[in-house]
């Protein structure tokens, strides 16, 4: 969990996934989940690349100080699974 320090609106979210083994190009959906109840879609990408960059610049997710965020992945039925993946991300909160 990542806790939100101030109230505001998340307008931009970016999650990068780098996989040593890319896997096949099925559509992979990534969302920002607030307080384990509400999902805000970031992006869906169907790509066989080792680096996938999920970005949403018009998210409009309201948050309060103390809310917590998680990244939610909806994994497809891969023909070849991605492997050795690392994740990083950023969410911008504006007052």
Foldseek 3Di string as FASTA:
>chain_A
DAFDAAWAWFQKKKKKKAFPQQFAFDWKWKWKDKQNPDTFTQDIGRDSDRMDMGMGRGGGHTDHGGIDIDMDIDDDPTPTDGHPMDMDMDTDGDD
